[in-house]
Amino acid sequence: MIALVAAVALLGVLLGAVAHVPLPLSAVAAAVIAGWLLVFAVRERHARRAAR
């Protein structure tokens, strides 16, 4: 859960900074965050299935 909170906080910081960086850089940052959240979701789903 703390990783999700950190991801949201990082997203907030990047959204605040997105006005000052070029569009390709912000697109790469968004893709990295989306990938991290995807990995987190897959790990959580796998952990829940393994707990059953």
C-alpha atoms as a PDB file:
ATOM      1  CA  MET A   1       0.000   0.000   0.000  1.00  0.00           C
ATOM      2  CA  ILE A   2       2.877   2.363   0.734  1.00  0.00           C
ATOM      3  CA  ALA A   3       4.120   1.871  -2.834  1.00  0.00           C
ATOM      4  CA  LEU A   4       0.773   3.034  -4.158  1.00  0.00           C
ATOM      5  CA  VAL A   5       0.874   6.122  -1.947  1.00  0.00           C
ATOM      6  CA  ALA A   6       4.409   6.847  -3.154  1.00  0.00           C
ATOM      7  CA  ALA A   7       3.291   6.446  -6.767  1.00  0.00           C
ATOM      8  CA  VAL A   8       0.432   8.904  -6.290  1.00  0.00           C
ATOM      9  CA  ALA A   9       2.762  11.374  -4.569  1.00  0.00           C
ATOM     10  CA  LEU A  10       5.314  11.037  -7.373  1.00  0.00           C
ATOM     11  CA  LEU A  11       2.573  11.518  -9.927  1.00  0.00           C
ATOM     12  CA  GLY A  12       1.494  14.706  -8.153  1.00  0.00           C
ATOM     13  CA  VAL A  13       5.045  16.041  -8.206  1.00  0.00           C
ATOM     14  CA  LEU A  14       5.421  15.214 -11.887  1.00  0.00           C
ATOM     15  CA  LEU A  15       2.092  16.800 -12.749  1.00  0.00           C
ATOM     16  CA  GLY A  16       3.253  19.950 -11.024  1.00  0.00           C
ATOM     17  CA  ALA A  17       6.496  19.880 -12.966  1.00  0.00           C
ATOM     18  CA  VAL A  18       4.945  18.870 -16.271  1.00  0.00           C
ATOM     19  CA  ALA A  19       4.367  22.507 -17.195  1.00  0.00           C
ATOM     20  CA  HIS A  20       8.133  23.095 -17.140  1.00  0.00           C
ATOM     21  CA  VAL A  21       9.396  20.095 -19.118  1.00  0.00           C
ATOM     22  CA  PRO A  22       9.031  19.138 -22.784  1.00  0.00           C
ATOM     23  CA  LEU A  23       6.148  16.898 -23.807  1.00  0.00           C
ATOM     24  CA  PRO A  24       8.318  13.866 -24.773  1.00  0.00           C
ATOM     25  CA  LEU A  25       9.949  13.858 -21.346  1.00  0.00           C
ATOM     26  CA  SER A  26       6.622  14.013 -19.558  1.00  0.00           C
ATOM     27  CA  ALA A  27       5.291  11.224 -21.796  1.00  0.00           C
ATOM     28  CA  VAL A  28       8.258   9.028 -20.860  1.00  0.00           C
ATOM     29  CA  ALA A  29       7.732   9.786 -17.180  1.00  0.00           C
ATOM     30  CA  ALA A  30       4.044   8.922 -17.498  1.00  0.00           C
ATOM     31  CA  ALA A  31       4.922   5.633 -19.202  1.00  0.00           C
ATOM     32  CA  VAL A  32       7.376   4.758 -16.425  1.00  0.00           C
ATOM     33  CA  ILE A  33       4.788   5.460 -13.736  1.00  0.00           C
ATOM     34  CA  ALA A  34       2.136   3.484 -15.620  1.00  0.00           C
ATOM     35  CA  GLY A  35       4.539   0.556 -15.961  1.00  0.00           C
ATOM     36  CA  TRP A  36       5.357   0.682 -12.263  1.00  0.00           C
ATOM     37  CA  LEU A  37       1.666   0.686 -11.353  1.00  0.00           C
ATOM     38  CA  LEU A  38       1.026  -2.199 -13.748  1.00  0.00           C
ATOM     39  CA  VAL A  39       3.795  -4.264 -12.158  1.00  0.00           C
ATOM     40  CA  PHE A  40       2.421  -3.413  -8.711  1.00  0.00           C
ATOM     41  CA  ALA A  41      -1.092  -4.494  -9.707  1.00  0.00           C
ATOM     42  CA  VAL A  42       0.146  -7.775 -11.179  1.00  0.00           C
ATOM     43  CA  ARG A  43       2.206  -8.532  -8.064  1.00  0.00           C
ATOM     44  CA  GLU A  44      -0.749  -7.786  -5.798  1.00  0.00           C
ATOM     45  CA  ARG A  45      -3.054  -9.967  -7.856  1.00  0.00           C
ATOM     46  CA  HIS A  46      -0.526 -12.799  -7.829  1.00  0.00           C
ATOM     47  CA  ALA A  47      -0.101 -12.464  -4.051  1.00  0.00           C
ATOM     48  CA  ARG A  48      -3.864 -12.652  -3.508  1.00  0.00           C
ATOM     49  CA  ARG A  49      -4.176 -15.759  -5.661  1.00  0.00           C
ATOM     50  CA  ALA A  50      -1.268 -17.402  -3.844  1.00  0.00           C
ATOM     51  CA  ALA A  51      -2.874 -16.658  -0.470  1.00  0.00           C
ATOM     52  CA  ARG A  52      -5.982 -18.644  -1.349  1.00  0.00           C
END
